[in-house]
Amino acid sequence: MSWCCLLSSYSFFGFVLLCLYLLIKSYRFKQKLASFKDRYVLITGCDTGFGHKLAKRLDVLGFKVFAACFTQNGVEELSSTCSKNVTPIRMDVTNDDSINKAVEEVTNLLPDDKGLWAVVNNAGVLGTTSGPTFWATRADYDNVLAVNLYGVVLVTNAFMPLIMKEKGRVVNTSSIAGRFAFANAPYAVSKYGVEAFSDNLRRDVYKTGVTVHMLEPGFHKTPLLNIETQKKRIEQKLKTLPEVWKKDLPSDIADIMSKRFSGFIDKVGSSNLDLVVGAYEHAVTAKHPKYRYVVGWDANYFFRPLWMLPEWLSDFILSRL
C-alpha cells in the first residue's frame, strides 16, 4: 500500500471519528433532566438583568426558586410578577450576617429531605473605576471584589451543605474579562479570581457528586453597562483623581471618555440577554452541563481569538478600539 493510500485511509478514519465525536457531543448537550418541579435553585442578583430574567425563566419551567435581591423593590417586583414557585428574599452578598440569615431562611423553607439543586452566583458590579489601571484605588478594588469575588466565595461556602445534600451544582458568573484582561482592572481581577475559585472548587468536590460551572459572557447591554451611569462614574473618578494625573488632562476628558465607552459598547455590546439566560438555563437543567460557557458573539469571535494571539499583537489591536 502506498503512502498516499495510507494517509488517505487515516484521514478518512480521523474524519469519521471527528463526526462521531461531534454527534455524541451534540446529543449529550441536548439531554435534559427528567423533572424540574421538585428541584430548588438559589439565584443571587435578581433585582435586574440576567438574574431577574433567569428567576422568571426557571419559574415557567417549574423550578422552585429562591430569588435573592439586594433591594426591597426587587423583592416586591418578583413577588408581584412570579408564581408561588418563586420566593424572593433579601440578601447582601457582601455581608456575612445577611448571607447567614438567608441560609437560615432557605433551610427553613426547604422540605426536610431536600437540598439545593443549584446555586447561581449571578450578583455582580462593574465598580467605580474609570480610566487607566493606575487610577484605581484600594477602595475601587474593595468595592468590586466584595461583590464579584468574595460574594461568590462566601455565598457558595455558606450554601455548600445544602448543595452537597442534593448532589447539585454551582454556577458562577465570570466574564470574558476573566480570560482576557483589559479596560477595567478591578473588574478583571475579580473575574480572574472567580475563575480560580471555581476551578479549585470543582476539583475539591469532584468525588461528592457536586459539579461547578462558569459563564463567561461578553458585553451585554444590562444596567451594568448603562451609558449614563458610566458617565457618572467617570465624573466621580475625575473629582477624586490626584493632581499628579489630573493636571495634564484636557478639560473635556469626561466627554471624551464617555464617548469612547459608548462607542465601544455600541460596537461589541449585545442587546440579546436571552443568550446569557439560555446558558444559565442549560447549566441548571442539562444532564451534562458544560464546565464553561463562553457567551456572545464578541466573546466567541473577537475576544477568544485575541487571547490566543501574542500579547504584543492583541495589545496593538485593542489600542485601536
C-alpha atoms as a PDB file:
ATOM      1  CA  MET A   1       0.000   0.000   0.000  1.00  0.00           C
ATOM      2  CA  SER A   2       1.418   3.372  -0.996  1.00  0.00           C
ATOM      3  CA  TRP A   3       1.928   6.218   1.443  1.00  0.00           C
ATOM      4  CA  CYS A   4      -0.806   8.199  -0.294  1.00  0.00           C
ATOM      5  CA  CYS A   5      -3.370   5.429   0.223  1.00  0.00           C
ATOM      6  CA  LEU A   6      -2.286   5.006   3.844  1.00  0.00           C
ATOM      7  CA  LEU A   7      -2.603   8.727   4.558  1.00  0.00           C
ATOM      8  CA  SER A   8      -5.957   8.798   2.787  1.00  0.00           C
ATOM      9  CA  SER A   9      -7.229   5.928   4.965  1.00  0.00           C
ATOM     10  CA  TYR A  10      -6.025   7.625   8.149  1.00  0.00           C
ATOM     11  CA  SER A  11      -7.640  10.924   7.065  1.00  0.00           C
ATOM     12  CA  PHE A  12     -10.958   9.215   6.402  1.00  0.00           C
ATOM     13  CA  PHE A  13     -10.791   7.356   9.741  1.00  0.00           C
ATOM     14  CA  GLY A  14      -9.983  10.630  11.523  1.00  0.00           C
ATOM     15  CA  PHE A  15     -12.886  12.380   9.790  1.00  0.00           C
ATOM     16  CA  VAL A  16     -15.292   9.610  10.846  1.00  0.00           C
ATOM     17  CA  LEU A  17     -14.064   9.834  14.462  1.00  0.00           C
ATOM     18  CA  LEU A  18     -14.496  13.626  14.440  1.00  0.00           C
ATOM     19  CA  CYS A  19     -18.059  13.353  13.097  1.00  0.00           C
ATOM     20  CA  LEU A  20     -18.864  10.701  15.712  1.00  0.00           C
ATOM     21  CA  TYR A  21     -17.441  12.887  18.478  1.00  0.00           C
ATOM     22  CA  LEU A  22     -19.472  15.921  17.339  1.00  0.00           C
ATOM     23  CA  LEU A  23     -22.629  13.805  17.069  1.00  0.00           C
ATOM     24  CA  ILE A  24     -22.217  12.416  20.607  1.00  0.00           C
ATOM     25  CA  LYS A  25     -21.359  15.887  21.947  1.00  0.00           C
ATOM     26  CA  SER A  26     -24.478  17.380  20.354  1.00  0.00           C
ATOM     27  CA  TYR A  27     -26.662  14.570  21.736  1.00  0.00           C
ATOM     28  CA  ARG A  28     -25.286  14.950  25.266  1.00  0.00           C
ATOM     29  CA  PHE A  29     -25.665  18.743  25.104  1.00  0.00           C
ATOM     30  CA  LYS A  30     -29.386  18.427  24.354  1.00  0.00           C
ATOM     31  CA  GLN A  31     -30.197  15.972  27.146  1.00  0.00           C
ATOM     32  CA  LYS A  32     -32.241  17.488  29.978  1.00  0.00           C
ATOM     33  CA  LEU A  33     -33.135  16.424  33.499  1.00  0.00           C
ATOM     34  CA  ALA A  34     -36.223  14.218  33.693  1.00  0.00           C
ATOM     35  CA  SER A  35     -38.109  16.578  36.031  1.00  0.00           C
ATOM     36  CA  PHE A  36     -37.736  20.141  37.304  1.00  0.00           C
ATOM     37  CA  LYS A  37     -40.673  20.524  39.673  1.00  0.00           C
ATOM     38  CA  ASP A  38     -39.051  19.155  42.862  1.00  0.00           C
ATOM     39  CA  ARG A  39     -35.730  20.945  42.412  1.00  0.00           C
ATOM     40  CA  TYR A  40     -34.773  24.071  44.343  1.00  0.00           C
ATOM     41  CA  VAL A  41     -32.476  26.780  42.959  1.00  0.00           C
ATOM     42  CA  LEU A  42     -30.971  29.862  44.616  1.00  0.00           C
ATOM     43  CA  ILE A  43     -30.060  32.813  42.389  1.00  0.00           C
ATOM     44  CA  THR A  44     -28.266  35.947  43.576  1.00  0.00           C
ATOM     45  CA  GLY A  45     -28.593  39.387  41.968  1.00  0.00           C
ATOM     46  CA  CYS A  46     -32.249  39.046  40.925  1.00  0.00           C
ATOM     47  CA  ASP A  47     -33.142  42.750  41.118  1.00  0.00           C
ATOM     48  CA  THR A  48     -32.445  43.335  37.410  1.00  0.00           C
ATOM     49  CA  GLY A  49     -30.606  41.908  34.420  1.00  0.00           C
ATOM     50  CA  PHE A  50     -29.687  38.257  33.966  1.00  0.00           C
ATOM     51  CA  GLY A  51     -30.672  37.125  37.463  1.00  0.00           C
ATOM     52  CA  HIS A  52     -34.111  38.713  37.163  1.00  0.00           C
ATOM     53  CA  LYS A  53     -34.764  37.064  33.813  1.00  0.00           C
ATOM     54  CA  LEU A  54     -33.406  33.698  34.958  1.00  0.00           C
ATOM     55  CA  ALA A  55     -35.685  33.626  38.018  1.00  0.00           C
ATOM     56  CA  LYS A  56     -38.694  34.156  35.752  1.00  0.00           C
ATOM     57  CA  ARG A  57     -37.434  31.595  33.207  1.00  0.00           C
ATOM     58  CA  LEU A  58     -36.974  28.884  35.856  1.00  0.00           C
ATOM     59  CA  ASP A  59     -40.363  29.760  37.320  1.00  0.00           C
ATOM     60  CA  VAL A  60     -42.001  28.961  33.966  1.00  0.00           C
ATOM     61  CA  LEU A  61     -40.067  25.673  33.775  1.00  0.00           C
ATOM     62  CA  GLY A  62     -41.396  24.605  37.159  1.00  0.00           C
ATOM     63  CA  PHE A  63     -38.368  25.006  39.415  1.00  0.00           C
ATOM     64  CA  LYS A  64     -38.717  26.242  42.975  1.00  0.00           C
ATOM     65  CA  VAL A  65     -36.616  29.415  43.031  1.00  0.00           C
ATOM     66  CA  PHE A  66     -35.134  31.408  45.890  1.00  0.00           C
ATOM     67  CA  ALA A  67     -34.527  34.762  44.189  1.00  0.00           C
ATOM     68  CA  ALA A  68     -32.051  36.771  46.265  1.00  0.00           C
ATOM     69  CA  CYS A  69     -32.379  40.520  45.794  1.00  0.00           C
ATOM     70  CA  PHE A  70     -30.305  43.372  47.191  1.00  0.00           C
ATOM     71  CA  THR A  71     -33.246  45.784  47.335  1.00  0.00           C
ATOM     72  CA  GLN A  72     -36.784  45.592  48.680  1.00  0.00           C
ATOM     73  CA  ASN A  73     -38.029  46.875  45.323  1.00  0.00           C
ATOM     74  CA  GLY A  74     -36.549  43.793  43.684  1.00  0.00           C
ATOM     75  CA  VAL A  75     -38.316  41.536  46.168  1.00  0.00           C
ATOM     76  CA  GLU A  76     -41.658  43.266  45.650  1.00  0.00           C
ATOM     77  CA  GLU A  77     -41.415  43.237  41.852  1.00  0.00           C
ATOM     78  CA  LEU A  78     -40.725  39.483  41.687  1.00  0.00           C
ATOM     79  CA  SER A  79     -43.415  38.788  44.295  1.00  0.00           C
ATOM     80  CA  SER A  80     -45.988  40.527  42.128  1.00  0.00           C
ATOM     81  CA  THR A  81     -44.967  39.070  38.753  1.00  0.00           C
ATOM     82  CA  CYS A  82     -43.964  35.462  39.506  1.00  0.00           C
ATOM     83  CA  SER A  83     -45.853  32.382  40.649  1.00  0.00           C
ATOM     84  CA  LYS A  84     -45.653  30.887  44.127  1.00  0.00           C
ATOM     85  CA  ASN A  85     -42.703  28.811  42.883  1.00  0.00           C
ATOM     86  CA  VAL A  86     -40.531  31.909  43.317  1.00  0.00           C
ATOM     87  CA  THR A  87     -39.630  33.031  46.831  1.00  0.00           C
ATOM     88  CA  PRO A  88     -37.857  36.407  46.740  1.00  0.00           C
ATOM     89  CA  ILE A  89     -35.543  37.018  49.697  1.00  0.00           C
ATOM     90  CA  ARG A  90     -33.266  39.883  50.716  1.00  0.00           C
ATOM     91  CA  MET A  91     -29.547  39.174  50.668  1.00  0.00           C
ATOM     92  CA  ASP A  92     -26.453  41.355  50.577  1.00  0.00           C
ATOM     93  CA  VAL A  93     -23.668  39.106  49.262  1.00  0.00           C
ATOM     94  CA  THR A  94     -21.036  41.386  50.833  1.00  0.00           C
ATOM     95  CA  ASN A  95     -22.415  40.927  54.353  1.00  0.00           C
ATOM     96  CA  ASP A  96     -21.794  37.739  56.364  1.00  0.00           C
ATOM     97  CA  ASP A  97     -24.821  38.284  58.624  1.00  0.00           C
ATOM     98  CA  SER A  98     -27.101  38.778  55.619  1.00  0.00           C
ATOM     99  CA  ILE A  99     -25.793  35.595  53.976  1.00  0.00           C
ATOM    100  CA  ASN A 100     -26.205  33.566  57.172  1.00  0.00           C
ATOM    101  CA  LYS A 101     -29.745  34.881  57.601  1.00  0.00           C
ATOM    102  CA  ALA A 102     -30.527  33.827  54.011  1.00  0.00           C
ATOM    103  CA  VAL A 103     -29.119  30.333  54.676  1.00  0.00           C
ATOM    104  CA  GLU A 104     -31.363  30.032  57.723  1.00  0.00           C
ATOM    105  CA  GLU A 105     -34.393  31.267  55.777  1.00  0.00           C
ATOM    106  CA  VAL A 106     -33.794  28.907  52.853  1.00  0.00           C
ATOM    107  CA  THR A 107     -33.141  25.934  55.168  1.00  0.00           C
ATOM    108  CA  ASN A 108     -36.416  26.557  56.997  1.00  0.00           C
ATOM    109  CA  LEU A 109     -38.368  26.747  53.728  1.00  0.00           C
ATOM    110  CA  LEU A 110     -36.867  23.600  52.206  1.00  0.00           C
ATOM    111  CA  PRO A 111     -38.544  20.230  52.842  1.00  0.00           C
ATOM    112  CA  ASP A 112     -36.568  18.098  55.318  1.00  0.00           C
ATOM    113  CA  ASP A 113     -35.393  15.703  52.599  1.00  0.00           C
ATOM    114  CA  LYS A 114     -34.371  18.373  50.131  1.00  0.00           C
ATOM    115  CA  GLY A 115     -31.294  20.483  49.497  1.00  0.00           C
ATOM    116  CA  LEU A 116     -30.434  22.960  46.751  1.00  0.00           C
ATOM    117  CA  TRP A 117     -30.133  21.608  43.234  1.00  0.00           C
ATOM    118  CA  ALA A 118     -28.216  24.705  42.117  1.00  0.00           C
ATOM    119  CA  VAL A 119     -26.755  27.939  43.433  1.00  0.00           C
ATOM    120  CA  VAL A 120     -26.334  30.546  40.700  1.00  0.00           C
ATOM    121  CA  ASN A 121     -23.905  33.279  41.756  1.00  0.00           C
ATOM    122  CA  ASN A 122     -25.104  35.981  39.391  1.00  0.00           C
ATOM    123  CA  ALA A 123     -24.729  39.154  41.523  1.00  0.00           C
ATOM    124  CA  GLY A 124     -22.075  41.496  40.166  1.00  0.00           C
ATOM    125  CA  VAL A 125     -20.983  45.112  39.825  1.00  0.00           C
ATOM    126  CA  LEU A 126     -18.814  46.968  37.352  1.00  0.00           C
ATOM    127  CA  GLY A 127     -17.346  49.126  40.097  1.00  0.00           C
ATOM    128  CA  THR A 128     -16.401  52.783  40.361  1.00  0.00           C
ATOM    129  CA  THR A 129     -13.278  52.604  38.244  1.00  0.00           C
ATOM    130  CA  SER A 130     -12.922  54.527  35.021  1.00  0.00           C
ATOM    131  CA  GLY A 131      -9.741  55.337  33.184  1.00  0.00           C
ATOM    132  CA  PRO A 132      -6.302  53.721  33.223  1.00  0.00           C
ATOM    133  CA  THR A 133      -5.352  50.918  35.612  1.00  0.00           C
ATOM    134  CA  PHE A 134      -3.090  53.216  37.658  1.00  0.00           C
ATOM    135  CA  TRP A 135      -6.066  55.437  38.550  1.00  0.00           C
ATOM    136  CA  ALA A 136      -7.685  52.656  40.599  1.00  0.00           C
ATOM    137  CA  THR A 137      -7.520  52.949  44.390  1.00  0.00           C
ATOM    138  CA  ARG A 138      -7.793  50.395  47.167  1.00  0.00           C
ATOM    139  CA  ALA A 139     -11.442  51.403  47.581  1.00  0.00           C
ATOM    140  CA  ASP A 140     -12.083  50.742  43.883  1.00  0.00           C
ATOM    141  CA  TYR A 141     -10.738  47.213  44.244  1.00  0.00           C
ATOM    142  CA  ASP A 142     -12.548  46.612  47.537  1.00  0.00           C
ATOM    143  CA  ASN A 143     -15.927  47.667  46.090  1.00  0.00           C
ATOM    144  CA  VAL A 144     -15.702  45.280  43.150  1.00  0.00           C
ATOM    145  CA  LEU A 145     -14.058  42.326  44.878  1.00  0.00           C
ATOM    146  CA  ALA A 146     -16.590  42.452  47.721  1.00  0.00           C
ATOM    147  CA  VAL A 147     -19.425  41.550  45.335  1.00  0.00           C
ATOM    148  CA  ASN A 148     -17.843  39.831  42.330  1.00  0.00           C
ATOM    149  CA  LEU A 149     -15.352  37.607  44.152  1.00  0.00           C
ATOM    150  CA  TYR A 150     -15.903  37.481  47.903  1.00  0.00           C
ATOM    151  CA  GLY A 151     -19.663  37.373  47.355  1.00  0.00           C
ATOM    152  CA  VAL A 152     -19.276  34.311  45.118  1.00  0.00           C
ATOM    153  CA  VAL A 153     -16.934  32.609  47.589  1.00  0.00           C
ATOM    154  CA  LEU A 154     -18.952  33.345  50.735  1.00  0.00           C
ATOM    155  CA  VAL A 155     -22.364  32.502  49.277  1.00  0.00           C
ATOM    156  CA  THR A 156     -21.041  29.248  47.802  1.00  0.00           C
ATOM    157  CA  ASN A 157     -19.369  28.209  51.046  1.00  0.00           C
ATOM    158  CA  ALA A 158     -22.425  29.087  53.143  1.00  0.00           C
ATOM    159  CA  PHE A 159     -24.838  27.070  50.999  1.00  0.00           C
ATOM    160  CA  MET A 160     -22.471  24.176  50.207  1.00  0.00           C
ATOM    161  CA  PRO A 161     -24.015  21.780  52.798  1.00  0.00           C
ATOM    162  CA  LEU A 162     -27.401  22.199  51.086  1.00  0.00           C
ATOM    163  CA  ILE A 163     -25.823  21.710  47.638  1.00  0.00           C
ATOM    164  CA  MET A 164     -23.996  18.563  48.786  1.00  0.00           C
ATOM    165  CA  LYS A 165     -27.226  17.200  50.253  1.00  0.00           C
ATOM    166  CA  GLU A 166     -28.768  17.282  46.778  1.00  0.00           C
ATOM    167  CA  LYS A 167     -25.531  16.481  44.878  1.00  0.00           C
ATOM    168  CA  GLY A 168     -26.312  19.636  42.984  1.00  0.00           C
ATOM    169  CA  ARG A 169     -24.291  22.196  41.091  1.00  0.00           C
ATOM    170  CA  VAL A 170     -22.709  25.624  41.491  1.00  0.00           C
ATOM    171  CA  VAL A 171     -22.985  28.084  38.590  1.00  0.00           C
ATOM    172  CA  ASN A 172     -20.640  31.060  38.874  1.00  0.00           C
ATOM    173  CA  THR A 173     -20.656  34.182  36.756  1.00  0.00           C
ATOM    174  CA  SER A 174     -17.233  35.031  35.445  1.00  0.00           C
ATOM    175  CA  SER A 175     -16.706  37.085  32.296  1.00  0.00           C
ATOM    176  CA  ILE A 176     -14.700  37.178  29.124  1.00  0.00           C
ATOM    177  CA  ALA A 177     -12.617  39.636  31.178  1.00  0.00           C
ATOM    178  CA  GLY A 178     -11.732  36.676  33.404  1.00  0.00           C
ATOM    179  CA  ARG A 179      -9.913  35.161  30.460  1.00  0.00           C
ATOM    180  CA  PHE A 180      -8.628  38.297  28.746  1.00  0.00           C
ATOM    181  CA  ALA A 181      -7.956  41.298  30.997  1.00  0.00           C
ATOM    182  CA  PHE A 182      -8.432  44.809  29.641  1.00  0.00           C
ATOM    183  CA  ALA A 183     -10.070  48.191  30.405  1.00  0.00           C
ATOM    184  CA  ASN A 184     -11.425  47.914  33.978  1.00  0.00           C
ATOM    185  CA  ALA A 185      -8.637  46.380  36.105  1.00  0.00           C
ATOM    186  CA  PRO A 186     -10.571  45.767  39.368  1.00  0.00           C
ATOM    187  CA  TYR A 187     -13.375  44.087  37.426  1.00  0.00           C
ATOM    188  CA  ALA A 188     -10.946  41.856  35.503  1.00  0.00           C
ATOM    189  CA  VAL A 189      -9.084  40.965  38.712  1.00  0.00           C
ATOM    190  CA  SER A 190     -12.377  39.946  40.348  1.00  0.00           C
ATOM    191  CA  LYS A 191     -13.323  37.744  37.421  1.00  0.00           C
ATOM    192  CA  TYR A 192      -9.897  36.080  37.243  1.00  0.00           C
ATOM    193  CA  GLY A 193     -10.484  35.312  40.921  1.00  0.00           C
ATOM    194  CA  VAL A 194     -13.858  33.704  40.127  1.00  0.00           C
ATOM    195  CA  GLU A 195     -12.141  31.508  37.534  1.00  0.00           C
ATOM    196  CA  ALA A 196      -9.502  30.348  40.033  1.00  0.00           C
ATOM    197  CA  PHE A 197     -12.035  29.772  42.819  1.00  0.00           C
ATOM    198  CA  SER A 198     -14.333  27.798  40.509  1.00  0.00           C
ATOM    199  CA  ASP A 199     -11.516  25.596  39.182  1.00  0.00           C
ATOM    200  CA  ASN A 200     -10.277  24.870  42.701  1.00  0.00           C
ATOM    201  CA  LEU A 201     -13.785  24.153  43.988  1.00  0.00           C
ATOM    202  CA  ARG A 202     -14.629  21.859  41.060  1.00  0.00           C
ATOM    203  CA  ARG A 203     -11.615  19.683  41.831  1.00  0.00           C
ATOM    204  CA  ASP A 204     -12.280  19.664  45.573  1.00  0.00           C
ATOM    205  CA  VAL A 205     -15.898  18.479  45.232  1.00  0.00           C
ATOM    206  CA  TYR A 206     -15.314  16.131  42.292  1.00  0.00           C
ATOM    207  CA  LYS A 207     -15.979  12.958  44.346  1.00  0.00           C
ATOM    208  CA  THR A 208     -19.038  14.339  46.169  1.00  0.00           C
ATOM    209  CA  GLY A 209     -21.341  14.486  43.139  1.00  0.00           C
ATOM    210  CA  VAL A 210     -21.378  18.299  43.154  1.00  0.00           C
ATOM    211  CA  THR A 211     -20.364  19.972  39.888  1.00  0.00           C
ATOM    212  CA  VAL A 212     -19.137  23.518  39.240  1.00  0.00           C
ATOM    213  CA  HIS A 213     -19.760  25.575  36.107  1.00  0.00           C
ATOM    214  CA  MET A 214     -18.890  29.039  34.848  1.00  0.00           C
ATOM    215  CA  LEU A 215     -20.436  31.545  32.494  1.00  0.00           C
ATOM    216  CA  GLU A 216     -18.023  33.813  30.629  1.00  0.00           C
ATOM    217  CA  PRO A 217     -20.279  36.347  28.894  1.00  0.00           C
ATOM    218  CA  GLY A 218     -19.080  39.042  26.577  1.00  0.00           C
ATOM    219  CA  PHE A 219     -20.569  42.542  26.695  1.00  0.00           C
ATOM    220  CA  HIS A 220     -24.353  42.678  27.046  1.00  0.00           C
ATOM    221  CA  LYS A 221     -26.445  45.815  27.480  1.00  0.00           C
ATOM    222  CA  THR A 222     -27.677  45.257  31.026  1.00  0.00           C
ATOM    223  CA  PRO A 223     -27.988  48.023  33.666  1.00  0.00           C
ATOM    224  CA  LEU A 224     -24.358  47.200  34.498  1.00  0.00           C
ATOM    225  CA  LEU A 225     -23.275  48.889  31.247  1.00  0.00           C
ATOM    226  CA  ASN A 226     -25.716  51.799  31.279  1.00  0.00           C
ATOM    227  CA  ILE A 227     -24.109  54.749  29.481  1.00  0.00           C
ATOM    228  CA  GLU A 228     -25.449  57.454  31.821  1.00  0.00           C
ATOM    229  CA  THR A 229     -24.344  55.509  34.885  1.00  0.00           C
ATOM    230  CA  GLN A 230     -20.883  55.110  33.402  1.00  0.00           C
ATOM    231  CA  LYS A 231     -20.690  58.853  32.734  1.00  0.00           C
ATOM    232  CA  LYS A 232     -21.434  59.488  36.423  1.00  0.00           C
ATOM    233  CA  ARG A 233     -18.684  57.019  37.374  1.00  0.00           C
ATOM    234  CA  ILE A 234     -16.247  58.901  35.168  1.00  0.00           C
ATOM    235  CA  GLU A 235     -17.179  62.279  36.638  1.00  0.00           C
ATOM    236  CA  GLN A 236     -16.877  60.945  40.182  1.00  0.00           C
ATOM    237  CA  LYS A 237     -13.487  59.405  39.464  1.00  0.00           C
ATOM    238  CA  LEU A 238     -12.200  62.662  37.977  1.00  0.00           C
ATOM    239  CA  LYS A 239     -13.260  64.571  41.113  1.00  0.00           C
ATOM    240  CA  THR A 240     -11.158  62.316  43.355  1.00  0.00           C
ATOM    241  CA  LEU A 241      -8.224  61.910  40.985  1.00  0.00           C
ATOM    242  CA  PRO A 242      -4.842  63.034  42.396  1.00  0.00           C
ATOM    243  CA  GLU A 243      -3.473  66.233  40.901  1.00  0.00           C
ATOM    244  CA  VAL A 244      -0.457  64.380  39.512  1.00  0.00           C
ATOM    245  CA  TRP A 245      -2.787  62.679  36.976  1.00  0.00           C
ATOM    246  CA  LYS A 246      -5.409  65.404  36.655  1.00  0.00           C
ATOM    247  CA  LYS A 247      -3.150  68.336  35.732  1.00  0.00           C
ATOM    248  CA  ASP A 248      -2.391  67.207  32.166  1.00  0.00           C
ATOM    249  CA  LEU A 249      -5.904  66.084  31.223  1.00  0.00           C
ATOM    250  CA  PRO A 250      -7.978  68.069  28.699  1.00  0.00           C
ATOM    251  CA  SER A 251     -10.931  69.991  30.121  1.00  0.00           C
ATOM    252  CA  ASP A 252     -13.449  67.810  28.236  1.00  0.00           C
ATOM    253  CA  ILE A 253     -11.899  64.494  29.333  1.00  0.00           C
ATOM    254  CA  ALA A 254     -15.219  63.300  30.843  1.00  0.00           C
ATOM    255  CA  ASP A 255     -16.977  63.683  27.478  1.00  0.00           C
ATOM    256  CA  ILE A 256     -14.087  62.013  25.648  1.00  0.00           C
ATOM    257  CA  MET A 257     -14.113  59.009  27.987  1.00  0.00           C
ATOM    258  CA  SER A 258     -17.912  58.727  27.890  1.00  0.00           C
ATOM    259  CA  LYS A 259     -17.968  58.771  24.089  1.00  0.00           C
ATOM    260  CA  ARG A 260     -15.220  56.157  23.938  1.00  0.00           C
ATOM    261  CA  PHE A 261     -17.129  53.883  26.342  1.00  0.00           C
ATOM    262  CA  SER A 262     -20.388  54.408  24.446  1.00  0.00           C
ATOM    263  CA  GLY A 263     -18.692  53.728  21.106  1.00  0.00           C
ATOM    264  CA  PHE A 264     -17.108  50.533  22.426  1.00  0.00           C
ATOM    265  CA  ILE A 265     -20.418  49.210  23.787  1.00  0.00           C
ATOM    266  CA  ASP A 266     -22.156  50.096  20.503  1.00  0.00           C
ATOM    267  CA  LYS A 267     -19.514  48.110  18.610  1.00  0.00           C
ATOM    268  CA  VAL A 268     -19.399  44.942  20.698  1.00  0.00           C
ATOM    269  CA  GLY A 269     -22.351  45.049  23.130  1.00  0.00           C
ATOM    270  CA  SER A 270     -25.345  42.792  22.576  1.00  0.00           C
ATOM    271  CA  SER A 271     -28.949  43.569  23.492  1.00  0.00           C
ATOM    272  CA  ASN A 272     -29.844  39.877  23.382  1.00  0.00           C
ATOM    273  CA  LEU A 273     -29.845  38.994  27.092  1.00  0.00           C
ATOM    274  CA  ASP A 274     -31.515  35.676  26.286  1.00  0.00           C
ATOM    275  CA  LEU A 275     -28.152  34.323  25.119  1.00  0.00           C
ATOM    276  CA  VAL A 276     -26.794  34.525  28.655  1.00  0.00           C
ATOM    277  CA  VAL A 277     -30.055  33.477  30.322  1.00  0.00           C
ATOM    278  CA  GLY A 278     -30.168  30.479  27.973  1.00  0.00           C
ATOM    279  CA  ALA A 279     -26.658  29.468  29.024  1.00  0.00           C
ATOM    280  CA  TYR A 280     -27.670  29.771  32.693  1.00  0.00           C
ATOM    281  CA  GLU A 281     -30.741  27.669  31.988  1.00  0.00           C
ATOM    282  CA  HIS A 282     -28.658  24.964  30.325  1.00  0.00           C
ATOM    283  CA  ALA A 283     -26.203  24.912  33.237  1.00  0.00           C
ATOM    284  CA  VAL A 284     -29.129  24.313  35.621  1.00  0.00           C
ATOM    285  CA  THR A 285     -31.306  21.974  33.529  1.00  0.00           C
ATOM    286  CA  ALA A 286     -28.894  19.887  31.454  1.00  0.00           C
ATOM    287  CA  LYS A 287     -27.876  16.335  32.315  1.00  0.00           C
ATOM    288  CA  HIS A 288     -24.378  17.127  31.091  1.00  0.00           C
ATOM    289  CA  PRO A 289     -23.743  20.873  31.548  1.00  0.00           C
ATOM    290  CA  LYS A 290     -20.550  22.414  30.227  1.00  0.00           C
ATOM    291  CA  TYR A 291     -17.803  23.450  32.618  1.00  0.00           C
ATOM    292  CA  ARG A 292     -17.517  26.793  30.806  1.00  0.00           C
ATOM    293  CA  TYR A 293     -19.992  28.743  28.703  1.00  0.00           C
ATOM    294  CA  VAL A 294     -18.396  31.441  26.545  1.00  0.00           C
ATOM    295  CA  VAL A 295     -21.459  33.532  25.631  1.00  0.00           C
ATOM    296  CA  GLY A 296     -21.916  36.228  22.987  1.00  0.00           C
ATOM    297  CA  TRP A 297     -20.564  36.886  19.522  1.00  0.00           C
ATOM    298  CA  ASP A 298     -17.912  39.278  20.843  1.00  0.00           C
ATOM    299  CA  ALA A 299     -16.685  36.695  23.363  1.00  0.00           C
ATOM    300  CA  ASN A 300     -16.519  33.891  20.814  1.00  0.00           C
ATOM    301  CA  TYR A 301     -15.392  35.675  17.647  1.00  0.00           C
ATOM    302  CA  PHE A 302     -13.412  38.670  18.894  1.00  0.00           C
ATOM    303  CA  PHE A 303     -12.011  38.143  22.385  1.00  0.00           C
ATOM    304  CA  ARG A 304     -11.486  34.368  22.159  1.00  0.00           C
ATOM    305  CA  PRO A 305      -9.147  34.764  19.144  1.00  0.00           C
ATOM    306  CA  LEU A 306      -7.444  37.718  20.865  1.00  0.00           C
ATOM    307  CA  TRP A 307      -6.347  35.684  23.895  1.00  0.00           C
ATOM    308  CA  MET A 308      -4.698  33.194  21.527  1.00  0.00           C
ATOM    309  CA  LEU A 309      -2.559  35.871  19.894  1.00  0.00           C
ATOM    310  CA  PRO A 310       0.872  37.033  21.099  1.00  0.00           C
ATOM    311  CA  GLU A 311       0.477  39.780  23.710  1.00  0.00           C
ATOM    312  CA  TRP A 312       2.089  42.468  21.565  1.00  0.00           C
ATOM    313  CA  LEU A 313      -0.399  41.849  18.751  1.00  0.00           C
ATOM    314  CA  SER A 314      -3.531  41.731  20.941  1.00  0.00           C
ATOM    315  CA  ASP A 315      -2.332  44.902  22.714  1.00  0.00           C
ATOM    316  CA  PHE A 316      -1.962  46.637  19.356  1.00  0.00           C
ATOM    317  CA  ILE A 317      -5.481  45.614  18.226  1.00  0.00           C
ATOM    318  CA  LEU A 318      -7.134  46.732  21.474  1.00  0.00           C
ATOM    319  CA  SER A 319      -5.300  50.056  21.435  1.00  0.00           C
ATOM    320  CA  ARG A 320      -7.068  50.843  18.157  1.00  0.00           C
ATOM    321  CA  LEU A 321     -10.609  50.396  19.533  1.00  0.00           C
END
